Amino acid sequence: MRDIHPFLVLSPRIFNGKTSLVIGLPMTTAPYNADNPFAVAVGPVKGRKAGQTSYVLCHQPKSFDWRLRGAKPHPLRMLSDVLFASVCERLNQIVQLV
């Protein structure tokens, strides 16, 4: 896969550092996710895809070795507390951790 593939990391930094793994949710700008009940719209994208909406896909939790893939922090850095809470609510509907 080419290009940057944003990923919302849910695992804590200490875990990520000790294991080289990150656990989180992929993000996409695919417009059909506007109707997806498990996708959270997190705002407009900047750069090459400017003006498109970015979605966090709460129904697709994944893990990968960030060191092996050469992953870097996204320029956006963090979601707002409100958006992060919304993502966690949707994820919890699926995995029912809380």
PDB file of N, CA and C in Angstrom:
ATOM      1  N   MET A   1       0.847  -1.179   0.000  1.00  0.00           N
ATOM      2  CA  MET A   1       0.000   0.000   0.000  1.00  0.00           C
ATOM      3  C   MET A   1       0.888   1.235   0.000  1.00  0.00           C
ATOM      4  N   ARG A   2       0.563   2.141  -0.870  1.00  0.00           N
ATOM      5  CA  ARG A   2       1.304   3.400  -0.932  1.00  0.00           C
ATOM      6  C   ARG A   2       0.664   4.441  -0.033  1.00  0.00           C
ATOM      7  N   ASP A   3       1.329   5.562   0.054  1.00  0.00           N
ATOM      8  CA  ASP A   3       0.784   6.716   0.770  1.00  0.00           C
ATOM      9  C   ASP A   3       0.859   6.536   2.277  1.00  0.00           C
ATOM     10  N   ILE A   4       0.409   7.558   2.960  1.00  0.00           N
ATOM     11  CA  ILE A   4       0.322   7.541   4.420  1.00  0.00           C
ATOM     12  C   ILE A   4      -1.007   6.904   4.795  1.00  0.00           C
ATOM     13  N   HIS A   5      -0.984   6.030   5.778  1.00  0.00           N
ATOM     14  CA  HIS A   5      -2.200   5.400   6.264  1.00  0.00           C
ATOM     15  C   HIS A   5      -2.358   5.747   7.739  1.00  0.00           C
ATOM     16  N   PRO A   6      -3.148   6.777   8.037  1.00  0.00           N
ATOM     17  CA  PRO A   6      -3.317   7.197   9.427  1.00  0.00           C
ATOM     18  C   PRO A   6      -3.944   6.095  10.272  1.00  0.00           C
ATOM     19  N   PHE A   7      -3.596   6.102  11.541  1.00  0.00           N
ATOM     20  CA  PHE A   7      -3.994   5.062  12.483  1.00  0.00           C
ATOM     21  C   PHE A   7      -4.152   5.730  13.844  1.00  0.00           C
ATOM     22  N   LEU A   8      -5.299   5.556  14.480  1.00  0.00           N
ATOM     23  CA  LEU A   8      -5.511   6.106  15.818  1.00  0.00           C
ATOM     24  C   LEU A   8      -4.999   5.092  16.834  1.00  0.00           C
ATOM     25  N   VAL A   9      -3.910   5.415  17.488  1.00  0.00           N
ATOM     26  CA  VAL A   9      -3.297   4.506  18.465  1.00  0.00           C
ATOM     27  C   VAL A   9      -4.074   4.583  19.775  1.00  0.00           C
ATOM     28  N   LEU A  10      -4.485   3.416  20.266  1.00  0.00           N
ATOM     29  CA  LEU A  10      -5.215   3.333  21.528  1.00  0.00           C
ATOM     30  C   LEU A  10      -4.335   2.818  22.669  1.00  0.00           C
ATOM     31  N   SER A  11      -3.304   2.057  22.337  1.00  0.00           N
ATOM     32  CA  SER A  11      -2.448   1.474  23.366  1.00  0.00           C
ATOM     33  C   SER A  11      -1.541   2.543  23.982  1.00  0.00           C
ATOM     34  N   PRO A  12      -1.196   2.368  25.266  1.00  0.00           N
ATOM     35  CA  PRO A  12      -0.358   3.364  25.939  1.00  0.00           C
ATOM     36  C   PRO A  12       1.089   3.335  25.439  1.00  0.00           C
ATOM     37  N   ARG A  13       1.718   4.476  25.491  1.00  0.00           N
ATOM     38  CA  ARG A  13       3.091   4.647  25.006  1.00  0.00           C
ATOM     39  C   ARG A  13       4.066   3.659  25.640  1.00  0.00           C
ATOM     40  N   ILE A  14       3.917   3.384  26.929  1.00  0.00           N
ATOM     41  CA  ILE A  14       4.845   2.460  27.592  1.00  0.00           C
ATOM     42  C   ILE A  14       4.733   1.051  26.992  1.00  0.00           C
ATOM     43  N   PHE A  15       3.508   0.609  26.687  1.00  0.00           N
ATOM     44  CA  PHE A  15       3.301  -0.686  26.023  1.00  0.00           C
ATOM     45  C   PHE A  15       3.924  -0.672  24.636  1.00  0.00           C
ATOM     46  N   ASN A  16       3.661   0.394  23.881  1.00  0.00           N
ATOM     47  CA  ASN A  16       4.191   0.506  22.522  1.00  0.00           C
ATOM     48  C   ASN A  16       5.718   0.438  22.519  1.00  0.00           C
ATOM     49  N   GLY A  17       6.337   1.113  23.473  1.00  0.00           N
ATOM     50  CA  GLY A  17       7.792   1.142  23.542  1.00  0.00           C
ATOM     51  C   GLY A  17       8.406  -0.196  23.917  1.00  0.00           C
ATOM     52  N   LYS A  18       7.788  -0.901  24.853  1.00  0.00           N
ATOM     53  CA  LYS A  18       8.340  -2.178  25.317  1.00  0.00           C
ATOM     54  C   LYS A  18       8.112  -3.314  24.335  1.00  0.00           C
ATOM     55  N   THR A  19       7.018  -3.269  23.579  1.00  0.00           N
ATOM     56  CA  THR A  19       6.668  -4.393  22.705  1.00  0.00           C
ATOM     57  C   THR A  19       6.895  -4.123  21.221  1.00  0.00           C
ATOM     58  N   SER A  20       7.089  -2.881  20.826  1.00  0.00           N
ATOM     59  CA  SER A  20       7.149  -2.451  19.423  1.00  0.00           C
ATOM     60  C   SER A  20       5.797  -2.570  18.730  1.00  0.00           C
ATOM     61  N   LEU A  21       4.761  -2.874  19.489  1.00  0.00           N
ATOM     62  CA  LEU A  21       3.418  -2.992  18.914  1.00  0.00           C
ATOM     63  C   LEU A  21       2.590  -1.760  19.234  1.00  0.00           C
ATOM     64  N   VAL A  22       1.673  -1.445  18.336  1.00  0.00           N
ATOM     65  CA  VAL A  22       0.631  -0.465  18.619  1.00  0.00           C
ATOM     66  C   VAL A  22      -0.701  -1.156  18.370  1.00  0.00           C
ATOM     67  N   ILE A  23      -1.679  -0.832  19.172  1.00  0.00           N
ATOM     68  CA  ILE A  23      -3.035  -1.325  18.996  1.00  0.00           C
ATOM     69  C   ILE A  23      -3.901  -0.110  18.750  1.00  0.00           C
ATOM     70  N   GLY A  24      -4.706  -0.178  17.720  1.00  0.00           N
ATOM     71  CA  GLY A  24      -5.533   0.978  17.419  1.00  0.00           C
ATOM     72  C   GLY A  24      -6.513   0.729  16.293  1.00  0.00           C
ATOM     73  N   LEU A  25      -6.918   1.825  15.672  1.00  0.00           N
ATOM     74  CA  LEU A  25      -7.967   1.804  14.655  1.00  0.00           C
ATOM     75  C   LEU A  25      -7.507   2.541  13.405  1.00  0.00           C
ATOM     76  N   PRO A  26      -7.741   1.960  12.234  1.00  0.00           N
ATOM     77  CA  PRO A  26      -7.359   2.633  11.000  1.00  0.00           C
ATOM     78  C   PRO A  26      -8.264   3.834  10.726  1.00  0.00           C
ATOM     79  N   MET A  27      -7.735   4.734   9.929  1.00  0.00           N
ATOM     80  CA  MET A  27      -8.483   5.920   9.518  1.00  0.00           C
ATOM     81  C   MET A  27      -8.519   5.954   7.989  1.00  0.00           C
ATOM     82  N   THR A  28      -9.573   6.547   7.456  1.00  0.00           N
ATOM     83  CA  THR A  28      -9.749   6.597   6.011  1.00  0.00           C
ATOM     84  C   THR A  28     -10.515   7.854   5.613  1.00  0.00           C
ATOM     85  N   THR A  29     -10.441   8.181   4.338  1.00  0.00           N
ATOM     86  CA  THR A  29     -11.242   9.284   3.795  1.00  0.00           C
ATOM     87  C   THR A  29     -12.306   8.755   2.829  1.00  0.00           C
ATOM     88  N   ALA A  30     -12.504   7.442   2.773  1.00  0.00           N
ATOM     89  CA  ALA A  30     -13.502   6.863   1.866  1.00  0.00           C
ATOM     90  C   ALA A  30     -14.883   7.426   2.208  1.00  0.00           C
ATOM     91  N   PRO A  31     -15.523   8.107   1.257  1.00  0.00           N
ATOM     92  CA  PRO A  31     -16.786   8.796   1.547  1.00  0.00           C
ATOM     93  C   PRO A  31     -17.941   7.883   1.946  1.00  0.00           C
ATOM     94  N   TYR A  32     -17.909   6.613   1.553  1.00  0.00           N
ATOM     95  CA  TYR A  32     -19.022   5.726   1.916  1.00  0.00           C
ATOM     96  C   TYR A  32     -19.094   5.483   3.417  1.00  0.00           C
ATOM     97  N   ASN A  33     -18.073   5.874   4.173  1.00  0.00           N
ATOM     98  CA  ASN A  33     -18.107   5.712   5.622  1.00  0.00           C
ATOM     99  C   ASN A  33     -18.993   6.736   6.320  1.00  0.00           C
ATOM    100  N   ALA A  34     -19.489   7.705   5.592  1.00  0.00           N
ATOM    101  CA  ALA A  34     -20.408   8.688   6.178  1.00  0.00           C
ATOM    102  C   ALA A  34     -21.653   7.999   6.732  1.00  0.00           C
ATOM    103  N   ASP A  35     -22.047   6.878   6.136  1.00  0.00           N
ATOM    104  CA  ASP A  35     -23.228   6.132   6.585  1.00  0.00           C
ATOM    105  C   ASP A  35     -22.886   4.945   7.481  1.00  0.00           C
ATOM    106  N   ASN A  36     -21.623   4.746   7.769  1.00  0.00           N
ATOM    107  CA  ASN A  36     -21.189   3.604   8.571  1.00  0.00           C
ATOM    108  C   ASN A  36     -21.413   3.927  10.053  1.00  0.00           C
ATOM    109  N   PRO A  37     -22.245   3.142  10.748  1.00  0.00           N
ATOM    110  CA  PRO A  37     -22.515   3.453  12.155  1.00  0.00           C
ATOM    111  C   PRO A  37     -21.313   3.255  13.081  1.00  0.00           C
ATOM    112  N   PHE A  38     -20.270   2.581  12.595  1.00  0.00           N
ATOM    113  CA  PHE A  38     -19.087   2.349  13.423  1.00  0.00           C
ATOM    114  C   PHE A  38     -17.886   3.179  12.981  1.00  0.00           C
ATOM    115  N   ALA A  39     -18.129   4.169  12.128  1.00  0.00           N
ATOM    116  CA  ALA A  39     -17.082   5.105  11.714  1.00  0.00           C
ATOM    117  C   ALA A  39     -17.370   6.456  12.362  1.00  0.00           C
ATOM    118  N   VAL A  40     -16.351   7.044  12.944  1.00  0.00           N
ATOM    119  CA  VAL A  40     -16.491   8.357  13.580  1.00  0.00           C
ATOM    120  C   VAL A  40     -15.790   9.394  12.707  1.00  0.00           C
ATOM    121  N   ALA A  41     -16.548  10.387  12.247  1.00  0.00           N
ATOM    122  CA  ALA A  41     -15.972  11.483  11.471  1.00  0.00           C
ATOM    123  C   ALA A  41     -15.158  12.361  12.414  1.00  0.00           C
ATOM    124  N   VAL A  42     -13.884  12.568  12.077  1.00  0.00           N
ATOM    125  CA  VAL A  42     -13.017  13.345  12.968  1.00  0.00           C
ATOM    126  C   VAL A  42     -12.561  14.660  12.353  1.00  0.00           C
ATOM    127  N   GLY A  43     -13.085  14.993  11.180  1.00  0.00           N
ATOM    128  CA  GLY A  43     -12.799  16.307  10.628  1.00  0.00           C
ATOM    129  C   GLY A  43     -12.162  16.280   9.263  1.00  0.00           C
ATOM    130  N   PRO A  44     -11.941  17.468   8.715  1.00  0.00           N
ATOM    131  CA  PRO A  44     -11.364  17.581   7.378  1.00  0.00           C
ATOM    132  C   PRO A  44      -9.879  17.252   7.367  1.00  0.00           C
ATOM    133  N   VAL A  45      -9.436  16.750   6.228  1.00  0.00           N
ATOM    134  CA  VAL A  45      -8.040  16.379   6.024  1.00  0.00           C
ATOM    135  C   VAL A  45      -7.302  17.557   5.417  1.00  0.00           C
ATOM    136  N   LYS A  46      -6.018  17.679   5.726  1.00  0.00           N
ATOM    137  CA  LYS A  46      -5.165  18.705   5.113  1.00  0.00           C
ATOM    138  C   LYS A  46      -4.252  18.029   4.105  1.00  0.00           C
ATOM    139  N   GLY A  47      -3.595  18.813   3.288  1.00  0.00           N
ATOM    140  CA  GLY A  47      -2.639  18.256   2.335  1.00  0.00           C
ATOM    141  C   GLY A  47      -3.295  17.819   1.050  1.00  0.00           C
ATOM    142  N   ARG A  48      -2.795  16.701   0.507  1.00  0.00           N
ATOM    143  CA  ARG A  48      -3.223  16.223  -0.803  1.00  0.00           C
ATOM    144  C   ARG A  48      -4.722  15.921  -0.871  1.00  0.00           C
ATOM    145  N   LYS A  49      -5.310  15.490   0.216  1.00  0.00           N
ATOM    146  CA  LYS A  49      -6.735  15.150   0.240  1.00  0.00           C
ATOM    147  C   LYS A  49      -7.551  16.234   0.944  1.00  0.00           C
ATOM    148  N   ALA A  50      -7.072  17.447   0.884  1.00  0.00           N
ATOM    149  CA  ALA A  50      -7.711  18.571   1.573  1.00  0.00           C
ATOM    150  C   ALA A  50      -9.195  18.640   1.242  1.00  0.00           C
ATOM    151  N   GLY A  51      -9.979  18.902   2.275  1.00  0.00           N
ATOM    152  CA  GLY A  51     -11.413  19.054   2.103  1.00  0.00           C
ATOM    153  C   GLY A  51     -12.190  17.763   2.317  1.00  0.00           C
ATOM    154  N   GLN A  52     -11.521  16.600   2.234  1.00  0.00           N
ATOM    155  CA  GLN A  52     -12.206  15.340   2.491  1.00  0.00           C
ATOM    156  C   GLN A  52     -12.312  15.121   3.994  1.00  0.00           C
ATOM    157  N   THR A  53     -13.313  14.364   4.402  1.00  0.00           N
ATOM    158  CA  THR A  53     -13.501  14.059   5.814  1.00  0.00           C
ATOM    159  C   THR A  53     -12.737  12.792   6.166  1.00  0.00           C
ATOM    160  N   SER A  54     -12.108  12.803   7.325  1.00  0.00           N
ATOM    161  CA  SER A  54     -11.397  11.630   7.823  1.00  0.00           C
ATOM    162  C   SER A  54     -12.297  10.893   8.810  1.00  0.00           C
ATOM    163  N   TYR A  55     -12.299   9.559   8.712  1.00  0.00           N
ATOM    164  CA  TYR A  55     -13.108   8.711   9.583  1.00  0.00           C
ATOM    165  C   TYR A  55     -12.214   7.718  10.316  1.00  0.00           C
ATOM    166  N   VAL A  56     -12.505   7.492  11.600  1.00  0.00           N
ATOM    167  CA  VAL A  56     -11.869   6.423  12.365  1.00  0.00           C
ATOM    168  C   VAL A  56     -12.788   5.216  12.267  1.00  0.00           C
ATOM    169  N   LEU A  57     -12.243   4.072  11.867  1.00  0.00           N
ATOM    170  CA  LEU A  57     -13.028   2.851  11.678  1.00  0.00           C
ATOM    171  C   LEU A  57     -12.998   2.010  12.955  1.00  0.00           C
ATOM    172  N   CYS A  58     -14.002   2.216  13.799  1.00  0.00           N
ATOM    173  CA  CYS A  58     -14.033   1.593  15.123  1.00  0.00           C
ATOM    174  C   CYS A  58     -14.271   0.087  15.065  1.00  0.00           C
ATOM    175  N   HIS A  59     -14.735  -0.421  13.953  1.00  0.00           N
ATOM    176  CA  HIS A  59     -15.030  -1.850  13.814  1.00  0.00           C
ATOM    177  C   HIS A  59     -13.845  -2.631  13.246  1.00  0.00           C
ATOM    178  N   GLN A  60     -12.678  -1.987  13.128  1.00  0.00           N
ATOM    179  CA  GLN A  60     -11.516  -2.668  12.560  1.00  0.00           C
ATOM    180  C   GLN A  60     -10.268  -2.532  13.443  1.00  0.00           C
ATOM    181  N   PRO A  61     -10.353  -2.915  14.729  1.00  0.00           N
ATOM    182  CA  PRO A  61      -9.143  -2.810  15.562  1.00  0.00           C
ATOM    183  C   PRO A  61      -8.016  -3.674  14.996  1.00  0.00           C
ATOM    184  N   LYS A  62      -6.797  -3.139  15.082  1.00  0.00           N
ATOM    185  CA  LYS A  62      -5.638  -3.827  14.527  1.00  0.00           C
ATOM    186  C   LYS A  62      -4.425  -3.590  15.425  1.00  0.00           C
ATOM    187  N   SER A  63      -3.422  -4.421  15.236  1.00  0.00           N
ATOM    188  CA  SER A  63      -2.126  -4.179  15.871  1.00  0.00           C
ATOM    189  C   SER A  63      -1.050  -4.433  14.834  1.00  0.00           C
ATOM    190  N   PHE A  64       0.070  -3.760  14.987  1.00  0.00           N
ATOM    191  CA  PHE A  64       1.218  -3.996  14.109  1.00  0.00           C
ATOM    192  C   PHE A  64       2.486  -3.528  14.787  1.00  0.00           C
ATOM    193  N   ASP A  65       3.615  -4.000  14.277  1.00  0.00           N
ATOM    194  CA  ASP A  65       4.924  -3.626  14.791  1.00  0.00           C
ATOM    195  C   ASP A  65       5.313  -2.288  14.158  1.00  0.00           C
ATOM    196  N   TRP A  66       5.244  -1.240  14.941  1.00  0.00           N
ATOM    197  CA  TRP A  66       5.487   0.106  14.400  1.00  0.00           C
ATOM    198  C   TRP A  66       6.953   0.319  14.036  1.00  0.00           C
ATOM    199  N   ARG A  67       7.865  -0.333  14.732  1.00  0.00           N
ATOM    200  CA  ARG A  67       9.283  -0.176  14.389  1.00  0.00           C
ATOM    201  C   ARG A  67       9.592  -0.836  13.048  1.00  0.00           C
ATOM    202  N   LEU A  68       9.084  -2.039  12.857  1.00  0.00           N
ATOM    203  CA  LEU A  68       9.306  -2.772  11.607  1.00  0.00           C
ATOM    204  C   LEU A  68       8.746  -2.006  10.403  1.00  0.00           C
ATOM    205  N   ARG A  69       7.607  -1.358  10.589  1.00  0.00           N
ATOM    206  CA  ARG A  69       6.968  -0.605   9.493  1.00  0.00           C
ATOM    207  C   ARG A  69       7.475   0.826   9.365  1.00  0.00           C
ATOM    208  N   GLY A  70       8.300   1.248  10.299  1.00  0.00           N
ATOM    209  CA  GLY A  70       8.816   2.616  10.237  1.00  0.00           C
ATOM    210  C   GLY A  70       7.742   3.668  10.448  1.00  0.00           C
ATOM    211  N   ALA A  71       6.770   3.362  11.291  1.00  0.00           N
ATOM    212  CA  ALA A  71       5.655   4.285  11.541  1.00  0.00           C
ATOM    213  C   ALA A  71       6.136   5.545  12.252  1.00  0.00           C
ATOM    214  N   LYS A  72       5.472   6.634  11.939  1.00  0.00           N
ATOM    215  CA  LYS A  72       5.783   7.940  12.543  1.00  0.00           C
ATOM    216  C   LYS A  72       4.497   8.579  13.042  1.00  0.00           C
ATOM    217  N   PRO A  73       4.590   9.457  14.019  1.00  0.00           N
ATOM    218  CA  PRO A  73       3.386  10.158  14.474  1.00  0.00           C
ATOM    219  C   PRO A  73       2.767  10.974  13.339  1.00  0.00           C
ATOM    220  N   HIS A  74       1.451  10.977  13.316  1.00  0.00           N
ATOM    221  CA  HIS A  74       0.705  11.763  12.331  1.00  0.00           C
ATOM    222  C   HIS A  74       0.815  13.244  12.693  1.00  0.00           C
ATOM    223  N   PRO A  75       0.864  14.138  11.699  1.00  0.00           N
ATOM    224  CA  PRO A  75       0.955  15.570  12.005  1.00  0.00           C
ATOM    225  C   PRO A  75      -0.204  16.080  12.869  1.00  0.00           C
ATOM    226  N   LEU A  76      -1.374  15.455  12.762  1.00  0.00           N
ATOM    227  CA  LEU A  76      -2.527  15.868  13.568  1.00  0.00           C
ATOM    228  C   LEU A  76      -2.261  15.644  15.055  1.00  0.00           C
ATOM    229  N   ARG A  77      -1.465  14.644  15.378  1.00  0.00           N
ATOM    230  CA  ARG A  77      -1.015  14.283  16.720  1.00  0.00           C
ATOM    231  C   ARG A  77      -2.101  13.634  17.581  1.00  0.00           C
ATOM    232  N   MET A  78      -3.174  14.331  17.903  1.00  0.00           N
ATOM    233  CA  MET A  78      -4.185  13.797  18.824  1.00  0.00           C
ATOM    234  C   MET A  78      -5.573  14.244  18.413  1.00  0.00           C
ATOM    235  N   LEU A  79      -6.566  13.430  18.795  1.00  0.00           N
ATOM    236  CA  LEU A  79      -7.956  13.840  18.643  1.00  0.00           C
ATOM    237  C   LEU A  79      -8.354  14.647  19.867  1.00  0.00           C
ATOM    238  N   SER A  80      -9.383  15.441  19.726  1.00  0.00           N
ATOM    239  CA  SER A  80      -9.916  16.141  20.890  1.00  0.00           C
ATOM    240  C   SER A  80     -10.487  15.103  21.856  1.00  0.00           C
ATOM    241  N   ASP A  81     -10.641  15.481  23.106  1.00  0.00           N
ATOM    242  CA  ASP A  81     -11.198  14.566  24.108  1.00  0.00           C
ATOM    243  C   ASP A  81     -12.600  14.106  23.719  1.00  0.00           C
ATOM    244  N   VAL A  82     -13.392  15.002  23.143  1.00  0.00           N
ATOM    245  CA  VAL A  82     -14.767  14.670  22.744  1.00  0.00           C
ATOM    246  C   VAL A  82     -14.762  13.621  21.632  1.00  0.00           C
ATOM    247  N   LEU A  83     -13.935  13.812  20.610  1.00  0.00           N
ATOM    248  CA  LEU A  83     -13.864  12.839  19.519  1.00  0.00           C
ATOM    249  C   LEU A  83     -13.300  11.507  19.992  1.00  0.00           C
ATOM    250  N   PHE A  84     -12.275  11.558  20.845  1.00  0.00           N
ATOM    251  CA  PHE A  84     -11.697  10.317  21.366  1.00  0.00           C
ATOM    252  C   PHE A  84     -12.731   9.545  22.181  1.00  0.00           C
ATOM    253  N   ALA A  85     -13.524  10.238  22.983  1.00  0.00           N
ATOM    254  CA  ALA A  85     -14.578   9.586  23.770  1.00  0.00           C
ATOM    255  C   ALA A  85     -15.617   8.954  22.847  1.00  0.00           C
ATOM    256  N   SER A  86     -15.945   9.611  21.755  1.00  0.00           N
ATOM    257  CA  SER A  86     -16.899   9.071  20.788  1.00  0.00           C
ATOM    258  C   SER A  86     -16.369   7.795  20.148  1.00  0.00           C
ATOM    259  N   VAL A  87     -15.090   7.793  19.788  1.00  0.00           N
ATOM    260  CA  VAL A  87     -14.454   6.598  19.226  1.00  0.00           C
ATOM    261  C   VAL A  87     -14.503   5.455  20.244  1.00  0.00           C
ATOM    262  N   CYS A  88     -14.147   5.731  21.479  1.00  0.00           N
ATOM    263  CA  CYS A  88     -14.142   4.692  22.522  1.00  0.00           C
ATOM    264  C   CYS A  88     -15.549   4.150  22.769  1.00  0.00           C
ATOM    265  N   GLU A  89     -16.560   5.007  22.724  1.00  0.00           N
ATOM    266  CA  GLU A  89     -17.951   4.561  22.880  1.00  0.00           C
ATOM    267  C   GLU A  89     -18.344   3.577  21.787  1.00  0.00           C
ATOM    268  N   ARG A  90     -18.010   3.915  20.553  1.00  0.00           N
ATOM    269  CA  ARG A  90     -18.362   3.028  19.424  1.00  0.00           C
ATOM    270  C   ARG A  90     -17.597   1.712  19.516  1.00  0.00           C
ATOM    271  N   LEU A  91     -16.325   1.770  19.851  1.00  0.00           N
ATOM    272  CA  LEU A  91     -15.537   0.544  19.999  1.00  0.00           C
ATOM    273  C   LEU A  91     -16.119  -0.315  21.108  1.00  0.00           C
ATOM    274  N   ASN A  92     -16.529   0.294  22.190  1.00  0.00           N
ATOM    275  CA  ASN A  92     -17.090  -0.446  23.325  1.00  0.00           C
ATOM    276  C   ASN A  92     -18.420  -1.118  22.966  1.00  0.00           C
ATOM    277  N   GLN A  93     -19.149  -0.569  22.014  1.00  0.00           N
ATOM    278  CA  GLN A  93     -20.382  -1.219  21.548  1.00  0.00           C
ATOM    279  C   GLN A  93     -20.068  -2.581  20.926  1.00  0.00           C
ATOM    280  N   ILE A  94     -18.870  -2.704  20.388  1.00  0.00           N
ATOM    281  CA  ILE A  94     -18.467  -3.941  19.712  1.00  0.00           C
ATOM    282  C   ILE A  94     -17.801  -4.915  20.679  1.00  0.00           C
ATOM    283  N   VAL A  95     -16.820  -4.440  21.433  1.00  0.00           N
ATOM    284  CA  VAL A  95     -16.044  -5.346  22.288  1.00  0.00           C
ATOM    285  C   VAL A  95     -16.496  -5.355  23.738  1.00  0.00           C
ATOM    286  N   GLN A  96     -17.304  -4.423  24.136  1.00  0.00           N
ATOM    287  CA  GLN A  96     -17.896  -4.335  25.485  1.00  0.00           C
ATOM    288  C   GLN A  96     -16.882  -4.543  26.600  1.00  0.00           C
ATOM    289  N   LEU A  97     -15.861  -3.686  26.619  1.00  0.00           N
ATOM    290  CA  LEU A  97     -14.844  -3.754  27.662  1.00  0.00           C
ATOM    291  C   LEU A  97     -15.303  -3.118  28.952  1.00  0.00           C
ATOM    292  N   VAL A  98     -16.143  -2.093  28.850  1.00  0.00           N
ATOM    293  CA  VAL A  98     -16.557  -1.367  30.037  1.00  0.00           C
ATOM    294  C   VAL A  98     -18.034  -1.557  30.277  1.00  0.00           C
TER     295      VAL A  98
END
